[in-house]
C-alpha cells in the first residue's frame, strides 16, 4: 500500500505548486527565444525593433530563464522545492554536451586563442568538460550546469558583443563566411530549445517523470518544426508566385442569343438570350507566344497531367499484380527476399539513372526521339517499386481470418483475393500511389532526357481524339479515341519548364514566370493528392460498410 502511494507521489511531484510555475516560466522563455530566433533566421521579423536589437532582447530572456533554472535547482538543494533527481543525468546528456564541448573547444582554441595546429587539444578539453559536467553532479545540478550554463554563455556572447554587428568569420579553405545575421539566430535557437527541455524536466521534479516530460517536449517541438517548415516553404512559394499566376484574370456575364422568332403581325424579330458566365485565366489557359499579352503554362500543365496519368496507368496494375503474386501465391524464400531487396534498391535509385535507362533503351525503340510515351514509361518504372512495396505491406496487413473464412465457404483462392483481400488492402495501395505521384510529378532529370523538345510551346499534347468514320471493311465503322501520333511526339512539363525558365530566363518576365510556374506545379501536385485522398476515403467507407 505504501509503495503505491510512493509511486503516485513521485508521478504527481512537480505537477502543482511553485515548481510547476518556475519550470513553466523557463519553458515559456525558452520557447519564445526559439521561435523568435527561427523567425529572425528566415527574415520574417526584423532584427531591430524600436531601436533595440532583437538579439539583445532574446539574450536577456535567455539569461533570465537560465537564472530561474539555477534558482530552482538551488531551492531544491535547500529542500524548499520537492524534487526527486536521479544520481546522474545519464550518458545521453553526456554524449550531447561532450560533442558541444568538442566543437566549442575546437573553435575557441583555433579562432579565439590562436592555437593553430594545437586546436585538437582545446577540442578534447572542451569535450572532457562537457562530459564531466553532465555525469559527475546529480541530475538537477548537471542539467543546471550544462543547460543553464550553455544559455548563460550564449547570452553573454551576445550581450558583450563578442559576436557583434561587425563580426565576420570565414574559416580557411571555405568560400562561405559566417555573419551575425545567421550565426546568432542559430545559437539563440539552440540555447532556447535546451532551456525549454531542461525546464520541462524541472517542472516535473526531474527523475523519471522529468525525463518523460522532456522527451515529450522534444517530440512535440520536432513535429511543430516539421509543420512550420512545410508552411514556410508553401508560403514562400505562394507569396512570390501568386501575383504572376493570377495576373490578367478576367470574368464577366454576357447574354448569348439562343433563338429568335417573329410573332404574327410583327415586323421585327424577338430574340431570346441566355446569361453566360465567361472566365479567362491567361497563366493557366495560354501557351507561350510572342503575340500573347501574358504568357502561360497551359501546355506544361497538360503534359504533366498526361505524364502522371500514363505512369499511374502502367505502374499500378503491374505493381499490384506483382504484390498479389508475391504475397498470395509465391512461397516465401530466397526468391521473394531477392525481389524485396531489388524493389527497395530500385525505389532508392536516383532518378537520373532511370532517365539514362530510358534514353539508352526506350528512346531508340520508340520513334528514336524524345516522346511523351517514353516519359510515361520512365516515370512508371520509377513509381513501380513503391507501388509493389506499399501494396505488399497492405496485403500482408489483411488479417488471415478473412482468407480462412472465405476458404471455409468454398470460395476459390482467386475469388478470395479479388473479393476479400484486395478490397481490404485498397486504402494502403492508394496511399502508396499518392506518395509516388508526389515524387514523379516533380521529377526533372528523367524527362530532360526522354520527353522534352521545345521548352515553351504554344500548345500541349492533344492525346484525346474522339471520332468515327465509315469504312468499306468489317466492322464498317472506325472509332478513334486516342491520338497515337501525339504519344510519339516530344512535349513539355511543368518541372522542365521551370528548370528552363530558371536557367535561361524568359525575357523580362523570367523571375515572376518562374515563381508562378512553381506555384502552379505545387497546385497540380496537391490536386493529385486530393484525388488520391478522396479515393482512399471512398475505399475506407466502402470497406467499413
Protein backbone atom coordinates (compact mmCIF):
# COMPACT_ATOMS: atom_id res chain seq x y z
CA UNK A 1 0.00 0.00 0.00
CA UNK A 2 2.82 2.38 0.91
CA UNK A 3 4.61 1.50 -2.30
CA UNK A 4 1.62 2.50 -4.41
CA UNK A 5 1.33 5.76 -2.50
CA UNK A 6 5.03 6.49 -3.05
CA UNK A 7 4.75 5.83 -6.79
CA UNK A 8 1.71 8.09 -7.09
CA UNK A 9 3.51 10.80 -5.14
CA UNK A 10 6.53 10.53 -7.43
CA UNK A 11 4.38 10.77 -10.54
CA UNK A 12 2.47 13.78 -9.24
CA UNK A 13 5.54 15.61 -7.97
CA UNK A 14 6.08 18.87 -9.77
CA UNK A 15 2.57 18.96 -11.23
CA UNK A 16 1.41 21.69 -8.80
CA UNK A 17 2.89 24.48 -6.76
CA UNK A 18 5.87 26.79 -7.24
CA UNK A 19 7.93 24.13 -9.02
CA UNK A 20 5.42 23.92 -11.85
CA UNK A 21 5.29 27.70 -12.26
CA UNK A 22 9.05 28.13 -12.15
CA UNK A 23 9.66 25.31 -14.62
CA UNK A 24 6.84 26.59 -16.82
CA UNK A 25 8.45 30.05 -16.88
CA UNK A 26 11.72 28.51 -18.08
CA UNK A 27 9.90 26.52 -20.76
CA UNK A 28 7.96 29.59 -21.91
CA UNK A 29 11.02 31.83 -22.17
CA UNK A 30 12.99 29.10 -23.95
CA UNK A 31 10.17 28.53 -26.42
CA UNK A 32 9.85 32.28 -27.10
CA UNK A 33 13.58 32.55 -27.78
CA UNK A 34 13.47 29.50 -30.06
CA UNK A 35 10.51 30.72 -32.14
CA UNK A 36 11.78 34.31 -32.39
CA UNK A 37 15.24 33.09 -33.44
CA UNK A 38 13.78 30.92 -36.19
CA UNK A 39 11.64 33.82 -37.45
CA UNK A 40 14.70 36.07 -37.46
CA UNK A 41 16.73 33.42 -39.30
CA UNK A 42 14.17 33.22 -42.13
CA UNK A 43 13.88 37.04 -42.09
CA UNK A 44 10.21 37.10 -41.17
CA UNK A 45 10.77 39.50 -38.25
CA UNK A 46 13.23 42.44 -38.25
CA UNK A 47 16.41 42.18 -36.18
CA UNK A 48 15.86 45.72 -34.82
CA UNK A 49 12.65 46.68 -33.01
CA UNK A 50 12.10 50.30 -31.90
CA UNK A 51 15.83 50.91 -31.90
CA UNK A 52 16.71 47.83 -29.80
CA UNK A 53 18.44 44.76 -31.16
CA UNK A 54 16.19 41.69 -31.22
CA UNK A 55 19.18 39.50 -30.43
CA UNK A 56 19.94 41.51 -27.28
CA UNK A 57 16.35 41.13 -26.11
CA UNK A 58 16.45 37.38 -26.71
CA UNK A 59 19.80 37.13 -24.94
CA UNK A 60 18.32 38.87 -21.88
CA UNK A 61 15.42 36.41 -21.95
CA UNK A 62 17.93 33.54 -22.08
CA UNK A 63 19.87 34.89 -19.12
CA UNK A 64 16.65 35.38 -17.14
CA UNK A 65 15.48 31.82 -17.91
CA UNK A 66 18.88 30.36 -17.03
CA UNK A 67 18.93 32.23 -13.70
CA UNK A 68 15.41 30.99 -12.97
CA UNK A 69 16.53 27.42 -13.67
CA UNK A 70 19.56 27.76 -11.43
CA UNK A 71 17.32 29.21 -8.70
CA UNK A 72 15.03 26.17 -8.99
CA UNK A 73 17.96 23.80 -8.51
CA UNK A 74 19.32 25.81 -5.57
CA UNK A 75 15.87 25.83 -3.94
CA UNK A 76 15.63 22.08 -4.45
CA UNK A 77 19.03 21.59 -2.80
CA UNK A 78 17.80 23.64 0.17
CA UNK A 79 14.64 21.45 0.34
CA UNK A 80 12.43 24.43 -0.44
CA UNK A 81 11.10 22.64 -3.54
CA UNK A 82 10.26 18.94 -3.62
CA UNK A 83 12.20 17.18 -6.39
CA UNK A 84 13.50 13.66 -6.94
CA UNK A 85 16.54 13.86 -9.27
CA UNK A 86 18.46 10.78 -10.34
CA UNK A 87 22.05 10.26 -9.25
CA UNK A 88 23.32 11.21 -12.71
CA UNK A 89 21.91 12.84 -15.82
CA UNK A 90 22.84 9.81 -17.93
CA UNK A 91 25.05 9.00 -20.87
CA UNK A 92 22.75 10.65 -23.42
CA UNK A 93 23.25 14.10 -21.94
CA UNK A 94 26.96 13.42 -21.51
CA UNK A 95 27.24 12.48 -25.19
CA UNK A 96 25.37 15.59 -26.35
CA UNK A 97 27.35 18.04 -24.27
CA UNK A 98 30.57 16.20 -24.96
CA UNK A 99 30.00 16.90 -28.64
CA UNK A 100 29.03 20.51 -27.87
CA UNK A 101 32.21 20.90 -25.83
CA UNK A 102 34.26 19.31 -28.60
CA UNK A 103 33.01 21.79 -31.20
CA UNK A 104 33.11 24.80 -28.89
CA UNK A 105 36.59 23.97 -27.56
CA UNK A 106 37.95 23.47 -31.06
CA UNK A 107 36.53 26.76 -32.32
CA UNK A 108 37.72 28.76 -29.32
CA UNK A 109 41.20 27.28 -29.40
CA UNK A 110 41.58 27.72 -33.15
CA UNK A 111 39.86 31.06 -33.75
CA UNK A 112 39.97 32.95 -30.45
CA UNK A 113 43.15 31.72 -28.75
CA UNK A 114 45.06 31.10 -31.98
CA UNK A 115 46.43 27.64 -31.07
CA UNK A 116 46.99 26.82 -34.75
CA UNK A 117 47.75 23.11 -35.17
CA UNK A 118 47.18 22.51 -31.45
CA UNK A 119 43.46 23.21 -31.68
CA UNK A 120 42.57 19.49 -31.20
CA UNK A 121 43.83 19.80 -27.61
CA UNK A 122 41.31 22.56 -26.96
CA UNK A 123 38.57 20.47 -28.60
CA UNK A 124 39.37 17.49 -26.36
CA UNK A 125 39.44 19.72 -23.28
CA UNK A 126 36.01 21.12 -24.17
CA UNK A 127 34.62 17.62 -24.70
CA UNK A 128 36.01 16.44 -21.37
CA UNK A 129 34.48 19.44 -19.60
CA UNK A 130 31.06 18.78 -21.14
CA UNK A 131 31.14 15.09 -20.17
CA UNK A 132 32.26 15.84 -16.60
CA UNK A 133 29.54 18.46 -16.08
CA UNK A 134 26.91 16.00 -17.32
CA UNK A 135 27.97 12.87 -15.44
CA UNK A 136 29.62 13.80 -12.14
CA UNK A 137 26.94 16.00 -10.48
CA UNK A 138 23.44 14.89 -9.55
CA UNK A 139 20.85 15.14 -12.33
CA UNK A 140 19.43 18.53 -11.36
CA UNK A 141 22.88 20.06 -10.88
CA UNK A 142 24.11 18.57 -14.15
CA UNK A 143 21.15 19.97 -16.08
CA UNK A 144 21.59 23.37 -14.47
CA UNK A 145 25.33 23.37 -15.22
CA UNK A 146 25.01 22.21 -18.82
CA UNK A 147 21.70 23.67 -20.00
CA UNK A 148 21.75 26.79 -17.86
CA UNK A 149 25.49 27.29 -18.28
CA UNK A 150 25.27 26.97 -22.06
CA UNK A 151 22.45 29.53 -22.15
CA UNK A 152 24.42 31.94 -19.94
CA UNK A 153 27.44 31.64 -22.22
CA UNK A 154 25.35 32.29 -25.34
CA UNK A 155 23.60 35.23 -23.69
CA UNK A 156 26.94 36.66 -22.58
CA UNK A 157 28.39 36.31 -26.08
CA UNK A 158 25.51 38.35 -27.50
CA UNK A 159 25.27 40.99 -24.75
CA UNK A 160 29.02 41.67 -24.66
CA UNK A 161 29.21 41.93 -28.46
CA UNK A 162 31.68 39.08 -28.79
CA UNK A 163 29.66 38.41 -31.91
CA UNK A 164 28.80 42.00 -32.73
CA UNK A 165 27.38 43.72 -35.82
CA UNK A 166 30.81 43.84 -37.49
CA UNK A 167 31.74 40.25 -36.64
CA UNK A 168 32.62 38.02 -39.58
CA UNK A 169 34.27 34.62 -39.60
CA UNK A 170 35.50 32.85 -42.72
CA UNK A 171 37.24 29.52 -41.98
CA UNK A 172 40.29 28.67 -44.01
CA UNK A 173 39.51 26.64 -47.09
CA UNK A 174 35.86 27.75 -47.25
CA UNK A 175 34.42 30.40 -49.53
CA UNK A 176 31.42 30.97 -47.24
CA UNK A 177 31.57 33.36 -44.29
CA UNK A 178 29.55 33.35 -41.07
CA UNK A 179 27.81 36.61 -40.13
CA UNK A 180 25.76 37.65 -37.08
CA UNK A 181 22.54 37.50 -39.11
CA UNK A 182 22.92 33.73 -39.50
CA UNK A 183 25.08 32.73 -36.52
CA UNK A 184 23.21 34.44 -33.68
CA UNK A 185 19.74 33.03 -34.51
CA UNK A 186 21.20 29.51 -34.59
CA UNK A 187 23.00 29.92 -31.25
CA UNK A 188 20.00 31.54 -29.57
CA UNK A 189 17.58 28.99 -31.00
CA UNK A 190 19.64 26.02 -29.80
CA UNK A 191 20.02 27.58 -26.35
CA UNK A 192 16.27 28.26 -26.19
CA UNK A 193 15.46 24.66 -27.10
CA UNK A 194 17.88 23.32 -24.47
CA UNK A 195 16.40 25.61 -21.80
CA UNK A 196 12.83 24.58 -22.67
CA UNK A 197 13.83 20.92 -22.47
CA UNK A 198 15.52 21.33 -19.07
CA UNK A 199 12.65 23.48 -17.82
CA UNK A 200 10.14 20.76 -18.70
CA UNK A 201 12.15 18.28 -16.62
CA UNK A 202 12.38 20.75 -13.75
CA UNK A 203 8.63 21.37 -13.78
CA UNK A 204 8.08 17.63 -13.33
CA UNK A 205 10.57 17.36 -10.48
CA UNK A 206 13.34 15.69 -12.52
CA UNK A 207 13.73 11.91 -12.31
CA UNK A 208 11.72 9.51 -14.47
CA UNK A 209 8.74 11.84 -14.78
CA UNK A 210 11.05 14.69 -15.76
CA UNK A 211 12.71 12.66 -18.49
CA UNK A 212 9.27 11.75 -19.86
CA UNK A 213 8.23 15.42 -19.90
CA UNK A 214 11.46 16.43 -21.60
CA UNK A 215 11.13 13.74 -24.24
CA UNK A 216 7.52 14.76 -24.88
CA UNK A 217 8.60 18.37 -25.36
CA UNK A 218 11.33 17.41 -27.84
CA UNK A 219 8.96 15.23 -29.85
CA UNK A 220 6.34 17.99 -29.89
CA UNK A 221 8.95 20.56 -30.92
CA UNK A 222 10.13 18.29 -33.72
CA UNK A 223 6.58 17.82 -35.04
CA UNK A 224 5.86 21.55 -34.79
CA UNK A 225 9.13 22.30 -36.57
CA UNK A 226 8.30 19.99 -39.47
CA UNK A 227 4.84 21.52 -39.86
CA UNK A 228 6.28 25.02 -39.63
CA UNK A 229 8.89 24.19 -42.27
CA UNK A 230 6.17 22.92 -44.60
CA UNK A 231 4.10 26.06 -44.02
CA UNK A 232 7.13 28.29 -44.64
CA UNK A 233 8.00 26.52 -47.89
CA UNK A 234 4.47 26.69 -49.24
CA UNK A 235 4.01 30.29 -48.09
CA UNK A 236 7.34 31.32 -49.60
CA UNK A 237 6.31 29.97 -52.99
CA UNK A 238 2.74 31.24 -52.73
CA UNK A 239 3.70 34.81 -51.83
CA UNK A 240 6.10 35.10 -54.75
CA UNK A 241 4.05 33.17 -57.27
CA UNK A 242 0.54 34.42 -56.55
CA UNK A 243 0.92 37.73 -58.38
CA UNK A 244 2.37 36.34 -61.65
CA UNK A 245 -0.02 33.38 -61.59
CA UNK A 246 -3.17 35.47 -61.18
CA UNK A 247 -2.18 38.33 -63.47
CA UNK A 248 -4.76 39.18 -66.10
CA UNK A 249 -7.66 37.12 -64.72
CA UNK A 250 -10.92 38.35 -66.18
CA UNK A 251 -14.50 37.23 -65.86
CA UNK A 252 -17.94 38.58 -66.60
CA UNK A 253 -21.53 37.89 -67.64
CA UNK A 254 -22.97 38.36 -71.11
CA UNK A 255 -26.19 37.39 -72.87
CA UNK A 256 -25.88 34.84 -75.65
CA UNK A 257 -28.69 34.69 -78.26
CA UNK A 258 -30.33 31.28 -78.11
CA UNK A 259 -33.22 31.59 -80.59
CA UNK A 260 -35.42 34.16 -82.24
CA UNK A 261 -38.89 34.24 -83.76
CA UNK A 262 -41.30 36.68 -85.43
CA UNK A 263 -44.67 36.95 -83.71
CA UNK A 264 -47.70 37.15 -86.06
CA UNK A 265 -48.28 40.67 -87.29
CA UNK A 266 -44.89 41.92 -86.11
CA UNK A 267 -42.32 43.45 -88.45
CA UNK A 268 -39.41 42.69 -86.05
CA UNK A 269 -37.97 39.53 -84.63
CA UNK A 270 -37.92 38.73 -80.92
CA UNK A 271 -34.58 37.41 -79.70
CA UNK A 272 -34.37 35.13 -76.66
CA UNK A 273 -30.98 35.22 -74.90
CA UNK A 274 -29.46 33.25 -72.05
CA UNK A 275 -26.92 34.54 -69.50
CA UNK A 276 -23.46 33.02 -69.83
CA UNK A 277 -20.54 33.45 -67.45
CA UNK A 278 -17.09 33.70 -69.03
CA UNK A 279 -13.76 33.31 -67.30
CA UNK A 280 -10.23 33.73 -68.63
CA UNK A 281 -7.07 32.90 -66.67
CA UNK A 282 -4.13 33.60 -69.00
CA UNK A 283 -1.40 31.92 -66.94
CA UNK A 284 -3.10 28.52 -66.93
CA UNK A 285 -5.07 28.79 -70.19
CA UNK A 286 -2.44 30.16 -72.58
CA UNK A 287 0.81 28.87 -74.01
CA UNK A 288 3.98 30.82 -74.63
CA UNK A 289 3.89 33.00 -77.73
CA UNK A 290 5.13 36.40 -78.80
CA UNK A 291 1.59 37.57 -79.56
CA UNK A 292 0.31 36.77 -76.04
CA UNK A 293 -0.06 39.71 -73.69
CA UNK A 294 0.50 37.31 -70.78
CA UNK A 295 2.33 34.05 -71.39
CA UNK A 296 1.11 30.93 -69.65
CA UNK A 297 1.92 27.32 -68.82
CA UNK A 298 -1.14 25.53 -70.22
CA UNK A 299 0.92 23.14 -72.44
CA UNK A 300 3.12 22.24 -69.48
CA UNK A 301 0.08 21.55 -67.28
CA UNK A 302 -1.38 19.26 -69.93
CA UNK A 303 1.95 17.48 -70.36
CA UNK A 304 2.37 16.98 -66.60
CA UNK A 305 -1.15 15.60 -66.22
CA UNK A 306 -0.68 13.16 -69.10
CA UNK A 307 2.68 12.05 -67.73
CA UNK A 308 1.22 11.25 -64.32
CA UNK A 309 -1.91 9.60 -65.73
CA UNK A 310 0.17 7.43 -68.07
CA UNK A 311 2.66 6.46 -65.37
CA UNK A 312 -0.09 5.57 -62.89
CA UNK A 313 -1.98 3.59 -65.53
CA UNK A 314 1.09 1.43 -66.16
CA UNK A 315 2.59 1.17 -62.68
CA UNK A 316 -0.45 0.45 -60.51
CA UNK A 317 -1.76 -2.64 -62.37
CA UNK A 318 1.76 -4.10 -62.70
CA UNK A 319 2.69 -3.24 -59.12
CA UNK A 320 -0.48 -4.55 -57.54
CA UNK A 321 -0.32 -7.71 -59.66
CA UNK A 322 3.28 -8.31 -58.62
CA UNK A 323 2.42 -7.74 -54.96
CA UNK A 324 -0.52 -10.16 -55.17
CA UNK A 325 1.68 -12.86 -56.69
CA UNK A 326 4.49 -12.40 -54.16
CA UNK A 327 2.12 -12.30 -51.20
CA UNK A 328 -0.62 -14.76 -52.08
CA UNK A 329 0.95 -17.27 -54.47
CA UNK A 330 4.75 -17.36 -54.25
CA UNK A 331 6.39 -19.32 -51.46
CA UNK A 332 8.35 -17.15 -49.07
CA UNK A 333 12.02 -17.90 -49.63
CA UNK A 334 15.14 -16.64 -51.28
CA UNK A 335 13.40 -15.51 -54.46
CA UNK A 336 10.89 -13.33 -52.66
CA UNK A 337 13.68 -11.95 -50.45
CA UNK A 338 15.69 -11.05 -53.55
CA UNK A 339 12.64 -9.35 -55.05
CA UNK A 340 12.16 -7.31 -51.86
CA UNK A 341 15.81 -6.23 -51.89
CA UNK A 342 15.57 -5.35 -55.59
CA UNK A 343 12.41 -3.28 -55.19
CA UNK A 344 13.84 -1.39 -52.22
CA UNK A 345 17.01 -0.71 -54.18
CA UNK A 346 15.08 0.47 -57.24
CA UNK A 347 12.97 2.85 -55.16
CA UNK A 348 16.10 4.49 -53.76
CA UNK A 349 17.82 4.67 -57.16
CA UNK A 350 18.47 8.26 -58.30
CA UNK A 351 16.02 9.49 -60.90
CA UNK A 352 18.77 10.36 -63.38
CA UNK A 353 19.57 6.64 -63.65
CA UNK A 354 16.02 5.99 -64.83
CA UNK A 355 16.42 8.80 -67.32
CA UNK A 356 19.64 7.31 -68.68
CA UNK A 357 17.97 3.91 -68.97
CA UNK A 358 15.09 5.46 -70.89
CA UNK A 359 17.49 7.35 -73.16
CA UNK A 360 19.56 4.23 -73.92
CA UNK A 361 16.81 1.61 -74.08
CA UNK A 362 13.41 3.19 -74.73
CA UNK A 363 14.14 6.16 -76.98
CA UNK A 364 15.84 4.12 -79.76
CA UNK A 365 12.89 1.71 -79.76
CA UNK A 366 10.09 4.29 -79.57
CA UNK A 367 10.44 6.61 -82.54
CA UNK A 368 14.17 7.16 -81.93
CA UNK A 369 13.49 10.52 -80.31
CA UNK A 370 12.05 12.23 -77.28
CA UNK A 371 8.37 11.39 -76.84
CA UNK A 372 5.54 11.57 -74.35
CA UNK A 373 5.28 7.78 -74.30
CA UNK A 374 8.92 7.42 -73.28
CA UNK A 375 8.36 9.87 -70.43
CA UNK A 376 5.29 7.95 -69.25
CA UNK A 377 7.17 4.65 -69.22
CA UNK A 378 10.23 6.03 -67.42
CA UNK A 379 8.08 7.60 -64.71
CA UNK A 380 6.06 4.39 -64.41
CA UNK A 381 9.31 2.48 -63.83
CA UNK A 382 10.14 4.95 -61.06
CA UNK A 383 6.70 4.55 -59.48
CA UNK A 384 6.56 0.75 -59.80
CA UNK A 385 8.87 -0.18 -56.86
CA UNK A 386 6.91 1.96 -54.40
CA UNK A 387 3.61 0.51 -55.57
CA UNK A 388 4.98 -3.01 -55.08
CA UNK A 389 6.34 -2.23 -51.61
CA UNK A 390 3.23 -0.49 -50.30
CA UNK A 391 0.86 -2.98 -51.93
CA UNK A 392 2.72 -5.90 -50.33
CA UNK A 393 2.54 -4.24 -46.94
CA UNK A 394 -1.17 -3.57 -47.41
CA UNK A 395 -1.83 -7.18 -48.43
CA UNK A 396 0.19 -8.55 -45.53
CA UNK A 397 -1.80 -6.38 -43.11
CA UNK A 398 -5.07 -8.01 -44.18
CA UNK A 399 -5.92 -10.48 -41.37
CA UNK A 400 -5.59 -14.16 -42.25
CA UNK A 401 -9.05 -14.69 -40.75
CA UNK A 402 -10.51 -13.09 -43.88
CA UNK A 403 -8.81 -15.63 -46.10
CA UNK A 404 -9.68 -18.55 -43.80
CA UNK A 405 -13.35 -17.57 -43.58
CA UNK A 406 -13.59 -17.25 -47.35
CA UNK A 407 -11.86 -20.62 -47.88
CA UNK A 408 -14.21 -22.25 -45.35
CA UNK A 409 -17.14 -21.19 -47.54
CA UNK A 410 -15.59 -22.98 -50.52
CA UNK A 411 -14.52 -19.85 -52.37
CA UNK A 412 -11.51 -20.26 -54.66
CA UNK A 413 -8.24 -18.51 -53.92
CA UNK A 414 -8.59 -16.06 -56.79
CA UNK A 415 -12.16 -15.18 -55.82
CA UNK A 416 -10.99 -14.66 -52.24
CA UNK A 417 -8.19 -12.36 -53.40
CA UNK A 418 -10.46 -10.43 -55.75
CA UNK A 419 -13.47 -10.09 -53.48
CA UNK A 420 -11.97 -10.07 -49.97
CA UNK A 421 -8.23 -9.39 -49.82
CA UNK A 422 -7.84 -6.68 -52.45
CA UNK A 423 -10.78 -4.53 -51.26
CA UNK A 424 -9.39 -4.65 -47.73
CA UNK A 425 -5.93 -3.65 -48.97
CA UNK A 426 -7.02 -0.89 -51.36
CA UNK A 427 -6.58 2.01 -48.88
CA UNK A 428 -2.93 1.03 -48.46
CA UNK A 429 -2.46 0.64 -52.20
CA UNK A 430 -3.92 4.10 -52.82
CA UNK A 431 -1.64 5.55 -50.13
CA UNK A 432 1.38 4.17 -51.96
CA UNK A 433 0.16 5.65 -55.22
CA UNK A 434 -0.33 9.05 -53.57
CA UNK A 435 3.23 9.05 -52.24
CA UNK A 436 4.60 8.03 -55.63
CA UNK A 437 2.64 10.62 -57.58
CA UNK A 438 4.11 13.34 -55.40
CA UNK A 439 7.58 12.24 -56.46
CA UNK A 440 7.13 11.64 -60.17
CA UNK A 441 5.05 14.79 -60.78
CA UNK A 442 8.01 16.97 -59.85
CA UNK A 443 10.82 14.98 -61.43
CA UNK A 444 13.01 16.88 -63.86
CA UNK A 445 16.08 14.78 -64.61
CA UNK A 446 14.34 11.84 -66.38
CA UNK A 447 12.08 13.97 -68.56
CA UNK A 448 15.02 16.13 -69.62
CA UNK A 449 16.42 13.06 -71.36
CA UNK A 450 13.38 11.28 -72.77
CA UNK A 451 10.44 13.70 -73.06
CA UNK A 452 11.24 17.28 -73.86
CA UNK A 453 11.59 19.20 -77.04
CA UNK A 454 10.67 22.88 -77.19
CA UNK A 455 10.51 24.09 -73.57
CA UNK A 456 7.88 26.78 -74.23
CA UNK A 457 5.42 25.51 -76.86
CA UNK A 458 2.19 27.25 -77.77
CA UNK A 459 0.05 24.10 -77.44
CA UNK A 460 0.17 20.94 -75.38
CA UNK A 461 -0.08 17.30 -76.46
CA UNK A 462 -3.50 16.55 -77.97
CA UNK A 463 -3.93 12.95 -76.91
CA UNK A 464 -7.71 12.62 -76.99
CA UNK A 465 -9.22 12.42 -80.47
CA UNK A 466 -12.81 11.22 -80.47
CA UNK A 467 -14.20 10.47 -83.89
CA UNK A 468 -15.91 7.97 -86.12
CA UNK A 469 -15.65 7.15 -89.84
CA UNK A 470 -17.31 4.64 -92.17
CA UNK A 471 -15.08 2.12 -93.91
CA UNK A 472 -15.59 -0.45 -96.65
CA UNK A 473 -14.39 -3.35 -94.49
CA UNK A 474 -15.82 -5.02 -91.41
CA UNK A 475 -16.97 -3.69 -88.95
CA UNK A 476 -17.61 -0.80 -91.40
CA UNK A 477 -17.15 1.81 -88.66
CA UNK A 478 -13.79 3.01 -87.39
CA UNK A 479 -13.84 4.62 -83.95
CA UNK A 480 -10.93 6.65 -82.61
CA UNK A 481 -10.37 7.79 -79.04
CA UNK A 482 -6.61 8.28 -78.81
CA UNK A 483 -4.23 10.24 -80.99
CA UNK A 484 -1.27 7.87 -81.11
CA UNK A 485 0.83 10.35 -83.05
CA UNK A 486 0.83 12.68 -80.02
CA UNK A 487 2.28 9.88 -77.88
CA UNK A 488 5.33 9.73 -80.14
CA UNK A 489 5.93 13.49 -80.15
CA UNK A 490 8.02 15.46 -77.64
CA UNK A 491 6.19 17.52 -75.06
CA UNK A 492 6.89 19.75 -72.12
CA UNK A 493 6.04 19.54 -68.43
CA UNK A 494 5.97 21.94 -65.51
CA UNK A 495 9.25 20.77 -63.90
CA UNK A 496 11.12 21.07 -67.20
CA UNK A 497 9.59 24.46 -67.97
CA UNK A 498 10.52 25.68 -64.50
CA UNK A 499 14.08 24.40 -64.99
CA UNK A 500 14.34 26.08 -68.37
CA UNK A 501 12.97 29.36 -67.01
CA UNK A 502 15.40 29.43 -64.10
CA UNK A 503 18.48 28.53 -66.14
CA UNK A 504 17.79 30.60 -69.25
CA UNK A 505 15.20 33.19 -68.22
CA UNK A 506 12.38 34.36 -70.44
CA UNK A 507 12.94 37.98 -71.35
CA UNK A 508 11.84 40.42 -68.67
CA UNK A 509 9.37 38.02 -67.03
CA UNK A 510 11.82 35.31 -66.03
CA UNK A 511 11.68 35.57 -62.24
CA UNK A 512 7.94 36.13 -61.95
CA UNK A 513 7.25 33.44 -64.52
CA UNK A 514 9.43 31.04 -62.51
CA UNK A 515 7.58 31.62 -59.24
CA UNK A 516 4.22 31.39 -60.95
CA UNK A 517 5.20 28.12 -62.59
CA UNK A 518 6.42 26.75 -59.24
CA UNK A 519 3.10 27.61 -57.60
CA UNK A 520 1.12 26.00 -60.43
CA UNK A 521 3.25 22.85 -60.11
CA UNK A 522 2.53 22.81 -56.39
CA UNK A 523 -1.19 23.15 -57.03
CA UNK A 524 -1.15 20.37 -59.63
CA UNK A 525 0.57 18.03 -57.16
CA UNK A 526 -1.97 18.97 -54.49
CA UNK A 527 -4.75 18.22 -56.97
CA UNK A 528 -3.37 14.71 -57.49
CA UNK A 529 -3.10 14.33 -53.71
CA UNK A 530 -6.74 15.39 -53.36
CA UNK A 531 -7.82 12.76 -55.90
CA UNK A 532 -5.80 10.11 -54.06
CA UNK A 533 -7.14 11.09 -50.64
CA UNK A 534 -10.71 11.07 -51.95
CA UNK A 535 -10.12 7.60 -53.45
CA UNK A 536 -8.72 6.32 -50.16
CA UNK A 537 -11.71 7.65 -48.23
CA UNK A 538 -14.04 6.03 -50.74
CA UNK A 539 -12.42 2.63 -50.27
CA UNK A 540 -12.32 3.10 -46.48
CA UNK A 541 -16.02 3.91 -46.42
CA UNK A 542 -16.83 1.01 -48.70
CA UNK A 543 -14.75 -1.36 -46.56
CA UNK A 544 -16.40 -0.25 -43.31
CA UNK A 545 -19.88 -0.59 -44.80
